[in-house]
């Protein structure tokens, strides 16, 4: 039976498992976003983690069987994916928080040491400009933090691989050529009924599309309440001389007609004033009237 190191075996199983389940988790995230839930916080994150459990079980069982058949020529026992998943999950729950706190403490310590070293160099050795100081600071603490992170990730891969090795010991050895192994893990990934697979895949895509469009809110998009409006300069329309000339001619024609009407009104007003002010009294109008008696007739 062939053998692989625990670190290499853990990485060989983890990498294809992640990319096998990632598209399905991406679809779930899109559905949660359409329903108004963020898949990275609160209720959306809980739903994503809950729905990811069966996906991870299926992907881990499929990819681990493929790796063990191809590299070690063994086939695990039934229920291999579920057993390996809860063992990996328990180990990761204990190890990854420890990795996070250790890396955080290393980064804080390395940054303080880097600042002390740079300050010592600036005061006693050489003048360091801002750009060189930033680069030196990043190299000093970043290299230490990266090295510690890689070592801890290697320990995580080692633990995952050790859990896989436990399942390898109780697996059934498979004899045969490499072509036989390829045919075996091809049959694990692709079912024999191709028509049924295509129908199920197409139907699932249609159902998920309908759910996606059904969850989208039927509202007009509008900016968020905290959005700050910025001044947007209006784009001036290009000037067309022909259009401007046409508009100018129309305006001038209207103005000319208005002026002519005003002149007509003024002439009419002048005529009415002349006819009303020069009224002549005809002599026939005074024939019936008696003239007042004069003073001479009364003997005054």
Protein backbone atom coordinates (compact mmCIF):
# COMPACT_ATOMS: atom_id res chain seq x y z
CA UNK A 1 0.00 0.00 0.00
CA UNK A 2 1.31 3.43 -0.90
CA UNK A 3 1.77 6.06 1.81
CA UNK A 4 1.51 9.85 1.95
CA UNK A 5 2.52 12.28 4.67
CA UNK A 6 -0.29 13.58 6.84
CA UNK A 7 0.23 17.19 5.72
CA UNK A 8 0.17 16.34 2.02
CA UNK A 9 -2.83 14.03 2.40
CA UNK A 10 -4.79 16.65 4.32
CA UNK A 11 -4.07 19.31 1.66
CA UNK A 12 -4.91 16.91 -1.20
CA UNK A 13 -8.33 16.21 0.32
CA UNK A 14 -9.15 19.72 1.56
CA UNK A 15 -8.39 21.63 -1.66
CA UNK A 16 -10.78 19.78 -4.05
CA UNK A 17 -13.41 19.55 -1.30
CA UNK A 18 -13.49 23.35 -1.00
CA UNK A 19 -13.86 23.96 -4.74
CA UNK A 20 -16.47 21.20 -5.12
CA UNK A 21 -18.83 22.73 -2.56
CA UNK A 22 -18.06 26.40 -3.28
CA UNK A 23 -20.42 26.83 -6.29
CA UNK A 24 -23.37 25.44 -4.32
CA UNK A 25 -22.59 27.70 -1.37
CA UNK A 26 -22.37 30.65 -3.77
CA UNK A 27 -25.88 29.85 -5.05
CA UNK A 28 -27.18 29.77 -1.46
CA UNK A 29 -25.51 33.12 -0.75
CA UNK A 30 -27.19 34.69 -3.79
CA UNK A 31 -30.60 33.37 -2.68
CA UNK A 32 -30.05 34.79 0.81
CA UNK A 33 -29.07 38.17 -0.64
CA UNK A 34 -32.20 38.16 -2.82
CA UNK A 35 -34.25 37.50 0.31
CA UNK A 36 -32.68 40.44 2.15
CA UNK A 37 -30.31 38.40 4.38
CA UNK A 38 -26.56 38.99 4.38
CA UNK A 39 -24.74 35.61 4.29
CA UNK A 40 -21.78 36.99 6.26
CA UNK A 41 -23.63 38.17 9.39
CA UNK A 42 -26.57 37.44 11.66
CA UNK A 43 -29.38 35.19 10.48
CA UNK A 44 -27.98 34.88 6.95
CA UNK A 45 -24.70 33.46 8.25
CA UNK A 46 -26.55 30.93 10.40
CA UNK A 47 -28.60 29.78 7.42
CA UNK A 48 -25.46 29.52 5.26
CA UNK A 49 -23.59 27.44 7.85
CA UNK A 50 -26.60 25.19 8.39
CA UNK A 51 -27.18 24.58 4.68
CA UNK A 52 -23.45 24.05 4.10
CA UNK A 53 -23.32 20.97 6.34
CA UNK A 54 -24.83 18.48 3.85
CA UNK A 55 -22.85 20.08 1.02
CA UNK A 56 -19.58 19.65 2.94
CA UNK A 57 -20.44 16.06 3.84
CA UNK A 58 -21.12 15.16 0.21
CA UNK A 59 -18.09 17.05 -1.17
CA UNK A 60 -15.71 15.66 1.47
CA UNK A 61 -16.86 12.08 0.96
CA UNK A 62 -16.61 12.35 -2.84
CA UNK A 63 -13.21 14.07 -2.98
CA UNK A 64 -11.64 11.97 -0.22
CA UNK A 65 -12.72 8.73 -1.93
CA UNK A 66 -11.24 10.00 -5.20
CA UNK A 67 -7.90 10.89 -3.58
CA UNK A 68 -7.66 7.59 -1.71
CA UNK A 69 -8.45 5.57 -4.83
CA UNK A 70 -6.03 7.51 -7.02
CA UNK A 71 -3.11 7.89 -4.63
CA UNK A 72 -3.39 5.00 -2.14
CA UNK A 73 -5.47 2.41 -4.08
CA UNK A 74 -7.91 1.93 -1.21
CA UNK A 75 -11.69 2.36 -0.97
CA UNK A 76 -13.14 3.58 2.35
CA UNK A 77 -16.00 2.00 4.22
CA UNK A 78 -19.61 3.19 3.70
CA UNK A 79 -20.43 6.37 5.62
CA UNK A 80 -16.85 7.55 5.23
CA UNK A 81 -17.82 11.14 4.35
CA UNK A 82 -20.05 11.70 7.40
CA UNK A 83 -17.48 10.24 9.85
CA UNK A 84 -14.63 12.24 8.37
CA UNK A 85 -16.71 15.43 8.33
CA UNK A 86 -17.58 15.47 12.04
CA UNK A 87 -13.98 14.58 12.94
CA UNK A 88 -12.65 17.42 10.78
CA UNK A 89 -15.29 19.80 12.15
CA UNK A 90 -14.43 19.00 15.79
CA UNK A 91 -10.70 19.35 15.16
CA UNK A 92 -11.16 22.65 13.28
CA UNK A 93 -13.40 24.12 16.02
CA UNK A 94 -10.62 23.48 18.52
CA UNK A 95 -7.62 24.37 16.34
CA UNK A 96 -8.68 27.40 14.22
CA UNK A 97 -9.55 29.73 17.15
CA UNK A 98 -6.18 28.84 18.67
CA UNK A 99 -4.51 29.66 15.33
CA UNK A 100 -6.33 33.02 15.21
CA UNK A 101 -5.24 34.12 18.69
CA UNK A 102 -1.65 32.94 18.22
CA UNK A 103 -1.28 34.79 14.90
CA UNK A 104 -2.85 37.94 16.42
CA UNK A 105 -0.44 37.86 19.38
CA UNK A 106 2.54 37.28 17.06
CA UNK A 107 1.50 40.19 14.81
CA UNK A 108 1.14 42.58 17.78
CA UNK A 109 4.50 41.56 19.26
CA UNK A 110 6.27 41.73 15.89
CA UNK A 111 4.84 45.20 15.19
CA UNK A 112 6.04 46.57 18.53
CA UNK A 113 9.51 45.06 18.01
CA UNK A 114 9.63 46.42 14.47
CA UNK A 115 8.75 49.92 15.68
CA UNK A 116 11.48 49.73 18.34
CA UNK A 117 14.09 48.57 15.83
CA UNK A 118 13.20 51.31 13.33
CA UNK A 119 13.29 53.98 16.06
CA UNK A 120 16.74 52.77 17.19
CA UNK A 121 18.04 52.85 13.62
CA UNK A 122 16.68 56.38 13.05
CA UNK A 123 18.26 57.78 16.21
CA UNK A 124 21.66 56.02 16.16
CA UNK A 125 22.47 54.60 12.74
CA UNK A 126 20.91 56.19 9.67
CA UNK A 127 18.19 58.58 8.59
CA UNK A 128 15.16 56.70 7.27
CA UNK A 129 12.56 58.42 5.11
CA UNK A 130 8.84 57.72 5.31
CA UNK A 131 8.63 55.39 2.29
CA UNK A 132 11.62 53.32 3.41
CA UNK A 133 10.27 53.23 6.96
CA UNK A 134 6.92 51.82 5.83
CA UNK A 135 8.61 49.18 3.67
CA UNK A 136 11.03 48.16 6.42
CA UNK A 137 8.28 47.99 9.02
CA UNK A 138 6.10 45.81 6.77
CA UNK A 139 8.99 43.44 5.98
CA UNK A 140 10.05 43.08 9.62
CA UNK A 141 6.71 42.17 11.16
CA UNK A 142 5.07 40.76 7.99
CA UNK A 143 7.75 38.11 7.42
CA UNK A 144 7.49 36.86 11.01
CA UNK A 145 3.69 36.78 10.93
CA UNK A 146 3.64 35.00 7.55
CA UNK A 147 6.11 32.36 8.74
CA UNK A 148 4.08 31.65 11.90
CA UNK A 149 0.83 31.50 9.89
CA UNK A 150 2.32 29.00 7.42
CA UNK A 151 3.60 26.82 10.26
CA UNK A 152 0.21 26.82 11.97
CA UNK A 153 -1.58 26.07 8.67
CA UNK A 154 0.84 23.19 8.18
CA UNK A 155 -0.16 21.90 11.61
CA UNK A 156 -3.83 22.15 10.62
CA UNK A 157 -3.21 20.20 7.41
CA UNK A 158 -1.24 17.64 9.42
CA UNK A 159 -4.15 17.11 11.80
CA UNK A 160 -6.66 16.76 8.95
CA UNK A 161 -4.37 14.29 7.20
CA UNK A 162 -3.93 12.28 10.40
CA UNK A 163 -7.72 11.93 10.65
CA UNK A 164 -7.83 10.71 7.06
CA UNK A 165 -5.06 8.19 7.78
CA UNK A 166 -7.24 6.67 10.50
CA UNK A 167 -9.88 5.95 7.87
CA UNK A 168 -7.26 4.59 5.48
CA UNK A 169 -6.24 1.91 7.95
CA UNK A 170 -9.72 0.37 7.95
CA UNK A 171 -10.27 0.87 4.19
CA UNK A 172 -10.38 -1.96 1.65
CA UNK A 173 -7.37 -2.34 -0.61
CA UNK A 174 -8.14 -2.28 -4.34
CA UNK A 175 -5.96 -4.14 -6.82
CA UNK A 176 -5.83 -3.19 -10.46
CA UNK A 177 -4.20 -0.90 -12.96
CA UNK A 178 -4.30 2.87 -12.91
CA UNK A 179 -6.94 2.81 -15.66
CA UNK A 180 -9.17 0.68 -13.45
CA UNK A 181 -8.80 3.22 -10.64
CA UNK A 182 -9.64 6.06 -13.00
CA UNK A 183 -12.75 4.26 -14.19
CA UNK A 184 -13.76 3.62 -10.58
CA UNK A 185 -13.56 7.24 -9.40
CA UNK A 186 -15.12 8.43 -12.66
CA UNK A 187 -18.13 6.28 -11.81
CA UNK A 188 -18.22 7.92 -8.37
CA UNK A 189 -18.37 11.43 -9.85
CA UNK A 190 -20.57 10.79 -12.91
CA UNK A 191 -23.62 8.52 -12.55
CA UNK A 192 -24.32 6.01 -15.34
CA UNK A 193 -27.73 7.53 -16.25
CA UNK A 194 -26.65 10.67 -18.11
CA UNK A 195 -30.18 11.64 -19.13
CA UNK A 196 -31.38 11.59 -15.52
CA UNK A 197 -28.38 13.69 -14.46
CA UNK A 198 -29.06 16.29 -17.16
CA UNK A 199 -32.78 16.44 -16.30
CA UNK A 200 -32.11 16.80 -12.58
CA UNK A 201 -29.45 19.46 -13.15
CA UNK A 202 -31.67 21.48 -15.53
CA UNK A 203 -34.72 21.18 -13.28
CA UNK A 204 -32.72 22.26 -10.25
CA UNK A 205 -31.42 25.28 -12.13
CA UNK A 206 -34.94 26.30 -13.19
CA UNK A 207 -36.31 25.93 -9.65
CA UNK A 208 -33.45 27.95 -8.14
CA UNK A 209 -33.91 30.67 -10.77
CA UNK A 210 -37.63 30.93 -9.96
CA UNK A 211 -36.87 31.11 -6.24
CA UNK A 212 -34.27 33.83 -6.87
CA UNK A 213 -36.63 36.02 -8.91
CA UNK A 214 -39.45 35.36 -6.47
CA UNK A 215 -37.39 36.53 -3.50
CA UNK A 216 -36.25 39.76 -5.16
CA UNK A 217 -38.21 42.72 -3.73
CA UNK A 218 -40.54 44.47 -6.19
CA UNK A 219 -39.43 48.01 -5.39
CA UNK A 220 -37.82 50.87 -7.22
CA UNK A 221 -34.11 51.12 -6.36
CA UNK A 222 -33.29 54.18 -4.29
CA UNK A 223 -30.19 55.39 -2.45
CA UNK A 224 -29.68 54.46 1.17
CA UNK A 225 -30.69 56.94 3.86
CA UNK A 226 -27.03 57.49 4.81
CA UNK A 227 -25.94 58.08 1.22
CA UNK A 228 -24.29 61.46 0.74
CA UNK A 229 -25.27 63.16 -2.48
CA UNK A 230 -22.43 64.70 -4.44
CA UNK A 231 -22.70 67.54 -6.91
CA UNK A 232 -22.84 66.23 -10.43
CA UNK A 233 -21.96 68.74 -13.12
CA UNK A 234 -24.55 68.97 -15.84
CA UNK A 235 -23.33 68.10 -19.26
CA UNK A 236 -24.02 70.93 -21.66
CA UNK A 237 -25.74 69.98 -24.86
CA UNK A 238 -23.87 70.60 -28.10
CA UNK A 239 -24.76 73.83 -29.92
CA UNK A 240 -26.48 73.47 -33.30
CA UNK A 241 -26.44 76.79 -35.23
CA UNK A 242 -29.35 75.85 -37.51
CA UNK A 243 -31.67 75.14 -34.61
CA UNK A 244 -30.67 78.39 -32.89
CA UNK A 245 -31.37 80.39 -36.07
CA UNK A 246 -34.81 78.81 -36.45
CA UNK A 247 -35.71 79.59 -32.84
CA UNK A 248 -34.41 83.17 -33.24
CA UNK A 249 -36.52 83.74 -36.36
CA UNK A 250 -39.63 82.50 -34.57
CA UNK A 251 -38.99 84.81 -31.62
CA UNK A 252 -38.40 87.82 -33.91
CA UNK A 253 -41.58 87.10 -35.87
CA UNK A 254 -43.62 86.98 -32.65
CA UNK A 255 -42.01 90.21 -31.44
CA UNK A 256 -42.78 91.96 -34.75
CA UNK A 257 -46.43 90.94 -34.60
CA UNK A 258 -46.71 92.18 -31.02
CA UNK A 259 -45.13 95.53 -31.94
CA UNK A 260 -47.51 95.99 -34.87
CA UNK A 261 -50.51 95.32 -32.64
CA UNK A 262 -49.26 97.86 -30.10
CA UNK A 263 -48.78 100.49 -32.81
CA UNK A 264 -52.34 99.92 -34.08
CA UNK A 265 -53.72 100.32 -30.55
CA UNK A 266 -51.82 103.60 -30.09
CA UNK A 267 -53.14 105.01 -33.39
CA UNK A 268 -56.69 104.08 -32.43
CA UNK A 269 -56.30 105.75 -29.02
CA UNK A 270 -55.02 108.98 -30.64
CA UNK A 271 -57.96 109.09 -33.05
CA UNK A 272 -60.46 108.61 -30.25
CA UNK A 273 -58.88 111.44 -28.23
CA UNK A 274 -59.03 113.88 -31.21
CA UNK A 275 -62.69 113.17 -31.99
CA UNK A 276 -63.70 113.49 -28.34
CA UNK A 277 -61.88 116.86 -27.58
CA UNK A 278 -62.84 119.06 -30.62
CA UNK A 279 -66.69 119.07 -30.40
CA UNK A 280 -68.31 122.03 -32.48
CA UNK A 281 -71.72 123.48 -31.59
CA UNK A 282 -73.88 124.27 -34.63
CA UNK A 283 -75.89 127.61 -34.86
CA UNK A 284 -79.18 125.74 -35.25
CA UNK A 285 -78.76 124.39 -31.80
CA UNK A 286 -79.03 127.93 -30.32
CA UNK A 287 -82.12 129.13 -32.28
CA UNK A 288 -84.66 127.98 -29.76
CA UNK A 289 -82.83 129.47 -26.82
CA UNK A 290 -83.59 133.05 -25.60
CA UNK A 291 -80.74 135.29 -24.80
CA UNK A 292 -80.62 136.73 -21.29
CA UNK A 293 -81.96 140.33 -20.94
CA UNK A 294 -79.34 143.00 -21.09
CA UNK A 295 -78.79 145.73 -18.57
CA UNK A 296 -79.67 148.55 -21.03
CA UNK A 297 -83.18 147.25 -21.57
CA UNK A 298 -83.87 147.55 -17.83
CA UNK A 299 -82.78 151.21 -17.78
CA UNK A 300 -79.71 150.59 -15.76
